[in-house]
Amino acid sequence: MTKHGGYRRVRDLLSAKKVVDTLPIELRAHITKPSQTRFLLRLVKTPDKLQEVVAIAAKEKPFPTAADFAQAVQLVAQTTGKTTKSEESQTQLCNSVTVSSQLHPRYGEEGVIEADAPNNSQQIVTFSDSERLLVNNADLDAAIVSPDRTYPKEYTEAIAALKEQHKLELECLEQELRIGLQAEVKARAEAQVSEQIQSLQNLYRQQKEENIQLQQRLDEMESLRQLETENQQLKERIRDLENAFEPHQLQDWGNTYTKQGAKALNKKVQQALEKTIDLRTLAAEPPKENATECLRLMGMALKNLSIAMNNTQALEAAAIILGTSPTLSAIATRTEQLQLLPQAVKEIRQVLARIEFTWLDFWAVAEKYEVIKPDYWAELTTQETDLITQARKDSEQLTVNT
């Protein structure tokens, strides 16, 4: 519609076509613009009047303007109005009526309507004594007097068009109101659903965090149980070590030293061991972290014992416990690595405790402790290792898809 000039332009074109199609061929040439037909459109239903208007306008000018057509329409309307008024006066004047209301003082008398009605509810009635009274329609004979007001045909068509337009406007307003109410109800329902979804998501996050905390507590309890079992084993091992540390008899030294020399040697060894980790203390108060920490401390104790007593067997035992070569440099390196184990497990579990984590989040922490991966992997629970494995698979799948 915009392409052809908008609604008004399209309406003028359609009106012009309707007027031109109604006129005879010899009168169509006088209409040159669509705007000239605005005053002629209402005469389409009366082709004779339309032809009369165009003929009147064409007498003045061969190509009349819109003002000329409007003036011609007024002339034809005045002539039609006079004719209609005279016809109505001929039909309505001298109508005989009877006063039918018993409450009226002229009840039962007959009169004649000699003038037009001043309004829709009353009539001017002339009685036999030449008195003219304004009588209500309700007091007259209903079969003769009609309460409906009559209008010219043009007015009747205009009123009907206005009523139809008003009806359409009411329907449009009703439809818009209905659509607005539906949109408001829909928006309100969507807001309620969104609020419920948000509440459920918050509840899910809270329950997930609580489940993670409970799982951590269960893992701690399981670790404590395992530590208790390992503590018993360590106590038995420490008893064996204490028995091996008891002062030897003089014959054990091949009579090389005297009894006093043996006591002096054992005293020096004890003084050297006081500065190192004591296995008795380790047995009495085992580490609270985990079994790996306990084994690490035990390996350090055996390393210090081997250095103090120059005992190759103790050095080998420390290497076996620490999982490295039976050399001082290898044991020292392994000891430094295992000192990082508690911090590594702590940071990794902090990452896993998040509501949502990715493989990149885990790898940012685990990359620093790659050298002790078997150690911290053994400290993690099955659920934690499954989470890490699933995160790695998701990352690989995302890489393949991209």
Protein backbone atom coordinates (compact mmCIF):
# COMPACT_ATOMS: atom_id res chain seq x y z
CA MET A 1 0.00 0.00 0.00
CA THR A 2 2.90 2.35 0.71
CA LYS A 3 4.21 1.59 -2.74
CA HIS A 4 1.07 3.17 -4.32
CA GLY A 5 1.07 6.32 -2.13
CA GLY A 6 -0.49 5.18 1.11
CA TYR A 7 -4.03 4.44 2.28
CA ARG A 8 -5.50 7.82 1.29
CA ARG A 9 -4.11 7.60 -2.24
CA VAL A 10 -5.40 4.04 -2.76
CA ARG A 11 -8.82 5.04 -1.41
CA ASP A 12 -9.01 7.99 -3.84
CA LEU A 13 -8.07 5.77 -6.77
CA LEU A 14 -10.73 3.18 -5.90
CA SER A 15 -13.37 5.91 -5.44
CA ALA A 16 -12.45 7.50 -8.75
CA LYS A 17 -12.73 4.17 -10.56
CA LYS A 18 -16.14 3.52 -9.02
CA VAL A 19 -17.43 6.97 -10.08
CA VAL A 20 -16.00 6.72 -13.60
CA ASP A 21 -17.49 3.25 -14.11
CA THR A 22 -20.92 4.59 -13.11
CA LEU A 23 -20.88 7.52 -15.57
CA PRO A 24 -21.66 7.11 -19.25
CA ILE A 25 -18.75 7.23 -21.70
CA GLU A 26 -19.41 10.78 -22.89
CA LEU A 27 -19.13 12.22 -19.34
CA ARG A 28 -16.03 10.30 -18.19
CA ALA A 29 -13.60 12.63 -19.97
CA HIS A 30 -14.56 15.52 -17.63
CA ILE A 31 -12.95 13.73 -14.63
CA THR A 32 -9.19 14.04 -14.83
CA LYS A 33 -8.03 13.63 -11.19
CA PRO A 34 -8.97 11.17 -8.42
CA SER A 35 -9.43 14.05 -5.96
CA GLN A 36 -12.36 15.39 -8.06
CA THR A 37 -14.45 12.31 -7.19
CA ARG A 38 -14.52 12.78 -3.40
CA PHE A 39 -17.78 14.78 -3.60
CA LEU A 40 -19.23 12.48 -6.26
CA LEU A 41 -18.74 9.16 -4.46
CA ARG A 42 -21.94 9.39 -2.41
CA LEU A 43 -23.97 9.80 -5.62
CA VAL A 44 -22.81 6.46 -7.11
CA LYS A 45 -25.97 4.74 -5.84
CA THR A 46 -28.07 7.31 -7.73
CA PRO A 47 -26.56 7.36 -11.23
CA ASP A 48 -29.10 9.90 -12.55
CA LYS A 49 -28.09 12.47 -9.93
CA LEU A 50 -24.40 11.72 -10.58
CA GLN A 51 -24.86 12.36 -14.28
CA GLU A 52 -26.76 15.57 -13.50
CA VAL A 53 -23.94 16.85 -11.27
CA VAL A 54 -21.23 16.11 -13.85
CA ALA A 55 -23.31 17.70 -16.60
CA ILE A 56 -23.86 20.88 -14.53
CA ALA A 57 -20.15 21.17 -13.75
CA ALA A 58 -19.19 20.54 -17.40
CA LYS A 59 -21.44 23.41 -18.61
CA GLU A 60 -19.22 25.97 -16.85
CA LYS A 61 -15.84 24.47 -17.81
CA PRO A 62 -14.84 21.61 -20.11
CA PHE A 63 -12.52 20.31 -17.40
CA PRO A 64 -14.12 21.17 -14.02
CA THR A 65 -12.13 21.32 -10.79
CA ALA A 66 -12.98 19.67 -7.48
CA ALA A 67 -14.61 22.94 -6.31
CA ASP A 68 -16.83 22.99 -9.42
CA PHE A 69 -18.02 19.44 -8.73
CA ALA A 70 -18.69 20.33 -5.07
CA GLN A 71 -20.78 23.35 -6.11
CA ALA A 72 -22.75 21.21 -8.55
CA VAL A 73 -23.42 18.62 -5.83
CA GLN A 74 -24.84 21.39 -3.59
CA LEU A 75 -27.15 22.60 -6.34
CA VAL A 76 -28.52 19.11 -6.96
CA ALA A 77 -28.88 18.47 -3.22
CA GLN A 78 -30.85 21.71 -2.73
CA THR A 79 -33.20 20.80 -5.56
CA THR A 80 -33.64 17.28 -4.18
CA GLY A 81 -34.21 18.65 -0.68
CA LYS A 82 -36.92 20.98 -1.86
CA THR A 83 -38.64 18.17 -3.76
CA THR A 84 -38.42 15.82 -0.81
CA LYS A 85 -39.68 18.45 1.62
CA SER A 86 -42.64 19.27 -0.59
CA GLU A 87 -43.45 15.55 -0.93
CA GLU A 88 -43.25 15.09 2.80
CA SER A 89 -45.44 18.11 3.43
CA GLN A 90 -47.98 16.72 0.99
CA THR A 91 -48.03 13.36 2.72
CA GLN A 92 -47.78 14.52 6.33
CA LEU A 93 -49.93 17.66 6.25
CA CYS A 94 -53.64 17.22 6.82
CA ASN A 95 -53.15 13.85 8.48
CA SER A 96 -56.09 13.24 10.81
CA VAL A 97 -55.23 12.12 14.34
CA THR A 98 -57.15 11.33 17.48
CA VAL A 99 -56.13 12.02 21.07
CA SER A 100 -56.12 8.56 22.68
CA SER A 101 -54.81 9.37 26.16
CA GLN A 102 -57.53 9.71 28.79
CA LEU A 103 -55.31 12.03 30.82
CA HIS A 104 -55.18 14.61 28.02
CA PRO A 105 -57.87 17.37 28.21
CA ARG A 106 -58.65 16.83 24.50
CA TYR A 107 -59.23 13.08 24.94
CA GLY A 108 -61.34 11.63 22.13
CA GLU A 109 -61.17 14.71 19.95
CA GLU A 110 -59.83 14.62 16.41
CA GLY A 111 -57.35 17.02 14.94
CA VAL A 112 -55.22 17.62 11.86
CA ILE A 113 -51.43 17.82 11.54
CA GLU A 114 -50.78 20.92 9.42
CA ALA A 115 -47.07 21.52 10.18
CA ASP A 116 -43.83 19.56 10.46
CA ALA A 117 -43.06 17.93 13.79
CA PRO A 118 -40.71 20.08 15.92
CA ASN A 119 -39.05 16.99 17.39
CA ASN A 120 -39.24 13.21 17.49
CA SER A 121 -41.68 12.97 20.42
CA GLN A 122 -44.33 15.65 19.68
CA GLN A 123 -46.67 16.85 16.93
CA ILE A 124 -48.43 20.19 16.22
CA VAL A 125 -52.18 19.33 16.04
CA THR A 126 -54.96 21.75 14.92
CA PHE A 127 -58.37 20.93 16.43
CA SER A 128 -61.88 21.80 15.13
CA ASP A 129 -61.98 25.05 17.14
CA SER A 130 -58.83 26.17 15.24
CA GLU A 131 -56.70 25.78 18.39
CA ARG A 132 -53.19 24.48 17.72
CA LEU A 133 -51.59 22.41 20.49
CA LEU A 134 -48.25 20.62 20.92
CA VAL A 135 -49.28 17.03 21.71
CA ASN A 136 -46.99 14.15 22.69
CA ASN A 137 -46.87 11.25 20.29
CA ALA A 138 -47.77 8.92 23.16
CA ASP A 139 -51.11 10.75 23.57
CA LEU A 140 -52.05 10.36 19.90
CA ASP A 141 -53.22 7.40 17.89
CA ALA A 142 -50.08 5.21 17.39
CA ALA A 143 -51.39 3.80 14.09
CA ILE A 144 -51.31 7.25 12.50
CA VAL A 145 -48.36 9.06 14.11
CA SER A 146 -44.94 7.47 13.82
CA PRO A 147 -42.43 8.38 16.55
CA ASP A 148 -39.48 7.85 14.19
CA ARG A 149 -37.85 10.91 12.74
CA THR A 150 -37.33 10.89 8.97
CA TYR A 151 -34.08 12.01 7.33
CA PRO A 152 -33.04 12.64 3.73
CA LYS A 153 -31.51 9.74 1.90
CA GLU A 154 -28.01 11.24 1.98
CA TYR A 155 -28.22 11.69 5.75
CA THR A 156 -29.56 8.17 6.19
CA GLU A 157 -26.64 6.72 4.23
CA ALA A 158 -24.14 8.87 6.16
CA ILE A 159 -25.65 7.81 9.47
CA ALA A 160 -25.56 4.16 8.44
CA ALA A 161 -21.91 4.54 7.39
CA LEU A 162 -21.05 6.20 10.71
CA LYS A 163 -22.81 3.43 12.61
CA GLU A 164 -20.92 0.80 10.65
CA GLN A 165 -17.63 2.63 11.21
CA HIS A 166 -18.40 2.96 14.90
CA LYS A 167 -19.21 -0.74 15.05
CA LEU A 168 -15.91 -1.61 13.36
CA GLU A 169 -14.01 0.68 15.73
CA LEU A 170 -15.66 -0.98 18.71
CA GLU A 171 -14.72 -4.41 17.36
CA CYS A 172 -11.11 -3.27 16.80
CA LEU A 173 -10.94 -1.84 20.31
CA GLU A 174 -12.41 -5.03 21.73
CA GLN A 175 -9.88 -7.13 19.80
CA GLU A 176 -6.97 -4.91 20.90
CA LEU A 177 -8.18 -5.09 24.49
CA ARG A 178 -8.45 -8.87 24.25
CA ILE A 179 -4.94 -9.13 22.75
CA GLY A 180 -3.56 -6.81 25.43
CA LEU A 181 -5.15 -8.84 28.20
CA GLN A 182 -3.82 -12.08 26.70
CA ALA A 183 -0.32 -10.59 26.41
CA GLU A 184 -0.48 -9.38 30.01
CA VAL A 185 -1.64 -12.78 31.27
CA LYS A 186 1.07 -14.49 29.19
CA ALA A 187 3.77 -12.15 30.51
CA ARG A 188 2.60 -12.70 34.07
CA ALA A 189 2.59 -16.47 33.61
CA GLU A 190 6.07 -16.39 32.06
CA ALA A 191 7.34 -14.29 34.97
CA GLN A 192 5.91 -16.80 37.48
CA VAL A 193 7.41 -19.75 35.59
CA SER A 194 10.78 -17.98 35.37
CA GLU A 195 10.69 -17.28 39.10
CA GLN A 196 9.87 -20.91 39.87
CA ILE A 197 12.69 -22.12 37.59
CA GLN A 198 15.12 -19.76 39.32
CA SER A 199 14.02 -21.04 42.73
CA LEU A 200 14.44 -24.65 41.62
CA GLN A 201 17.90 -23.90 40.23
CA ASN A 202 18.95 -22.27 43.49
CA LEU A 203 17.59 -25.24 45.43
CA TYR A 204 19.46 -27.62 43.12
CA ARG A 205 22.74 -25.75 43.63
CA GLN A 206 22.25 -25.76 47.38
CA GLN A 207 21.52 -29.48 47.47
CA LYS A 208 24.50 -30.18 45.20
CA GLU A 209 26.80 -28.25 47.55
CA GLU A 210 25.38 -30.08 50.55
CA ASN A 211 25.90 -33.42 48.79
CA ILE A 212 29.52 -32.50 48.02
CA GLN A 213 30.11 -31.54 51.65
CA LEU A 214 28.54 -34.78 52.86
CA GLN A 215 30.66 -36.78 50.41
CA GLN A 216 33.77 -35.01 51.69
CA ARG A 217 32.80 -35.86 55.26
CA LEU A 218 32.30 -39.48 54.28
CA ASP A 219 35.66 -39.53 52.55
CA GLU A 220 37.30 -38.03 55.63
CA MET A 221 35.69 -40.67 57.85
CA GLU A 222 36.85 -43.42 55.48
CA SER A 223 40.36 -41.94 55.52
CA LEU A 224 40.36 -41.88 59.30
CA ARG A 225 39.34 -45.51 59.38
CA GLN A 226 42.13 -46.43 57.00
CA LEU A 227 44.59 -44.34 59.00
CA GLU A 228 43.63 -46.19 62.15
CA THR A 229 44.37 -49.51 60.46
CA GLU A 230 47.65 -48.26 59.07
CA ASN A 231 48.52 -46.77 62.45
CA GLN A 232 48.32 -50.22 64.00
CA GLN A 233 50.62 -51.56 61.31
CA LEU A 234 53.06 -48.70 61.90
CA LYS A 235 53.12 -49.39 65.62
CA GLU A 236 54.09 -52.99 64.97
CA ARG A 237 56.79 -51.82 62.53
CA ILE A 238 58.11 -49.31 65.04
CA ARG A 239 58.36 -52.02 67.72
CA ASP A 240 60.51 -54.03 65.33
CA LEU A 241 62.72 -51.00 64.72
CA GLU A 242 63.04 -50.31 68.44
CA ASN A 243 64.08 -53.89 69.04
CA ALA A 244 66.77 -53.51 66.38
CA PHE A 245 67.98 -50.31 68.11
CA GLU A 246 68.58 -51.90 71.57
CA PRO A 247 72.22 -51.80 72.85
CA HIS A 248 74.20 -54.78 71.63
CA GLN A 249 76.21 -57.01 73.87
CA LEU A 250 79.95 -56.69 73.91
CA GLN A 251 80.28 -59.86 71.92
CA ASP A 252 78.30 -58.31 69.10
CA TRP A 253 81.06 -55.79 68.61
CA GLY A 254 83.68 -58.53 68.39
CA ASN A 255 85.21 -57.37 71.66
CA THR A 256 86.47 -54.31 69.77
CA TYR A 257 85.11 -51.85 72.31
CA THR A 258 84.55 -52.06 75.98
CA LYS A 259 81.16 -51.75 77.58
CA GLN A 260 81.78 -48.08 78.26
CA GLY A 261 82.70 -47.51 74.60
CA ALA A 262 79.46 -49.13 73.47
CA LYS A 263 77.42 -46.90 75.79
CA ALA A 264 79.23 -43.81 74.52
CA LEU A 265 78.55 -44.79 70.89
CA ASN A 266 74.85 -45.46 71.51
CA LYS A 267 74.55 -42.14 73.35
CA LYS A 268 75.97 -40.25 70.34
CA VAL A 269 73.55 -42.02 68.03
CA GLN A 270 70.61 -41.11 70.26
CA GLN A 271 71.72 -37.47 70.36
CA ALA A 272 71.88 -37.41 66.57
CA LEU A 273 68.40 -38.94 66.27
CA GLU A 274 66.87 -36.39 68.66
CA LYS A 275 67.17 -33.76 65.92
CA THR A 276 65.28 -35.93 63.41
CA ILE A 277 61.78 -37.33 63.25
CA ASP A 278 61.16 -39.75 66.10
CA LEU A 279 59.44 -42.98 65.11
CA ARG A 280 57.97 -43.28 68.59
CA THR A 281 56.25 -39.91 68.19
CA LEU A 282 55.03 -41.00 64.74
CA ALA A 283 53.46 -44.10 66.25
CA ALA A 284 51.88 -42.24 69.15
CA GLU A 285 50.42 -39.41 67.05
CA PRO A 286 50.07 -40.45 63.39
CA PRO A 287 49.56 -37.73 60.77
CA LYS A 288 45.99 -36.52 60.52
CA GLU A 289 46.03 -36.00 56.75
CA ASN A 290 46.29 -39.46 55.15
CA ALA A 291 48.30 -42.67 54.91
CA THR A 292 50.61 -41.29 52.24
CA GLU A 293 51.70 -38.51 54.57
CA CYS A 294 52.39 -41.12 57.23
CA LEU A 295 54.55 -43.16 54.84
CA ARG A 296 56.38 -40.02 53.75
CA LEU A 297 57.27 -39.15 57.33
CA MET A 298 58.29 -42.72 58.00
CA GLY A 299 60.57 -42.69 54.93
CA MET A 300 62.16 -39.45 56.14
CA ALA A 301 62.72 -40.99 59.54
CA LEU A 302 64.42 -44.01 58.01
CA LYS A 303 66.54 -41.73 55.81
CA ASN A 304 67.71 -39.77 58.82
CA LEU A 305 68.34 -43.02 60.68
CA SER A 306 70.47 -44.37 57.81
CA ILE A 307 72.51 -41.15 57.72
CA ALA A 308 73.04 -41.12 61.48
CA MET A 309 74.01 -44.79 61.74
CA ASN A 310 75.43 -45.20 58.21
CA ASN A 311 72.96 -48.07 57.77
CA THR A 312 72.47 -49.21 54.20
CA GLN A 313 69.42 -51.33 55.07
CA ALA A 314 67.64 -48.32 56.59
CA LEU A 315 68.42 -46.33 53.43
CA GLU A 316 66.98 -49.08 51.23
CA ALA A 317 63.90 -49.28 53.47
CA ALA A 318 63.40 -45.51 53.13
CA ALA A 319 63.77 -45.77 49.33
CA ILE A 320 61.16 -48.54 49.19
CA ILE A 321 58.68 -46.55 51.30
CA LEU A 322 59.22 -43.35 49.32
CA GLY A 323 59.17 -45.17 45.97
CA THR A 324 62.56 -44.05 44.61
CA SER A 325 66.18 -45.16 44.21
CA PRO A 326 68.24 -46.02 47.35
CA THR A 327 70.45 -42.93 47.07
CA LEU A 328 70.55 -39.86 49.25
CA SER A 329 69.94 -37.45 46.34
CA ALA A 330 66.99 -39.48 45.01
CA ILE A 331 65.44 -39.76 48.48
CA ALA A 332 65.92 -36.02 49.07
CA THR A 333 64.25 -35.18 45.74
CA ARG A 334 61.38 -37.55 46.44
CA THR A 335 60.92 -36.07 49.91
CA GLU A 336 60.64 -32.54 48.48
CA GLN A 337 58.07 -33.76 45.95
CA LEU A 338 55.94 -35.44 48.61
CA GLN A 339 55.98 -32.29 50.71
CA LEU A 340 53.87 -30.71 47.95
CA LEU A 341 51.27 -33.50 48.09
CA PRO A 342 48.94 -32.06 50.80
CA GLN A 343 48.79 -28.67 49.06
CA ALA A 344 48.16 -30.32 45.67
CA VAL A 345 45.24 -32.40 46.99
CA LYS A 346 43.79 -29.36 48.73
CA GLU A 347 43.85 -27.13 45.63
CA ILE A 348 42.47 -29.87 43.37
CA ARG A 349 39.55 -30.53 45.72
CA GLN A 350 38.79 -26.81 45.82
CA VAL A 351 38.41 -26.86 42.03
CA LEU A 352 36.24 -29.99 42.13
CA ALA A 353 34.00 -28.43 44.82
CA ARG A 354 32.81 -25.75 42.38
CA ILE A 355 29.28 -26.06 41.01
CA GLU A 356 30.56 -26.15 37.42
CA PHE A 357 34.18 -26.64 36.42
CA THR A 358 35.93 -27.42 33.17
CA TRP A 359 39.01 -29.38 32.22
CA LEU A 360 40.91 -26.11 31.80
CA ASP A 361 40.11 -25.14 35.40
CA PHE A 362 41.43 -28.48 36.65
CA TRP A 363 44.50 -28.48 34.40
CA ALA A 364 45.48 -24.96 35.55
CA VAL A 365 46.03 -26.45 39.03
CA ALA A 366 47.09 -30.00 38.16
CA GLU A 367 49.80 -28.86 35.74
CA LYS A 368 51.88 -27.55 38.64
CA TYR A 369 51.83 -30.96 40.32
CA GLU A 370 52.21 -33.17 37.25
CA VAL A 371 55.40 -34.76 38.72
CA ILE A 372 53.42 -36.19 41.65
CA LYS A 373 50.28 -37.08 39.68
CA PRO A 374 50.25 -40.77 40.79
CA ASP A 375 50.52 -39.62 44.42
CA TYR A 376 47.67 -37.10 44.43
CA TRP A 377 45.57 -39.36 42.15
CA ALA A 378 45.77 -42.08 44.81
CA GLU A 379 44.53 -39.60 47.43
CA LEU A 380 41.40 -38.64 45.46
CA THR A 381 38.15 -40.57 45.87
CA THR A 382 36.50 -42.55 43.10
CA GLN A 383 33.83 -39.88 42.65
CA GLU A 384 36.47 -37.16 42.31
CA THR A 385 38.50 -39.09 39.74
CA ASP A 386 35.30 -39.79 37.77
CA LEU A 387 34.53 -36.06 37.69
CA ILE A 388 38.02 -35.33 36.34
CA THR A 389 37.77 -38.07 33.70
CA GLN A 390 34.35 -36.84 32.54
CA ALA A 391 35.62 -33.26 32.30
CA ARG A 392 38.54 -34.41 30.12
CA LYS A 393 36.18 -36.37 27.82
CA ASP A 394 33.83 -33.36 27.48
CA SER A 395 36.79 -31.13 26.57
CA GLU A 396 38.01 -33.61 23.93
CA GLN A 397 34.51 -33.95 22.46
CA LEU A 398 34.14 -30.16 22.27
CA THR A 399 37.49 -29.92 20.49
CA VAL A 400 36.44 -32.57 17.94
CA ASN A 401 33.11 -30.83 17.24
CA THR A 402 34.75 -27.47 16.66
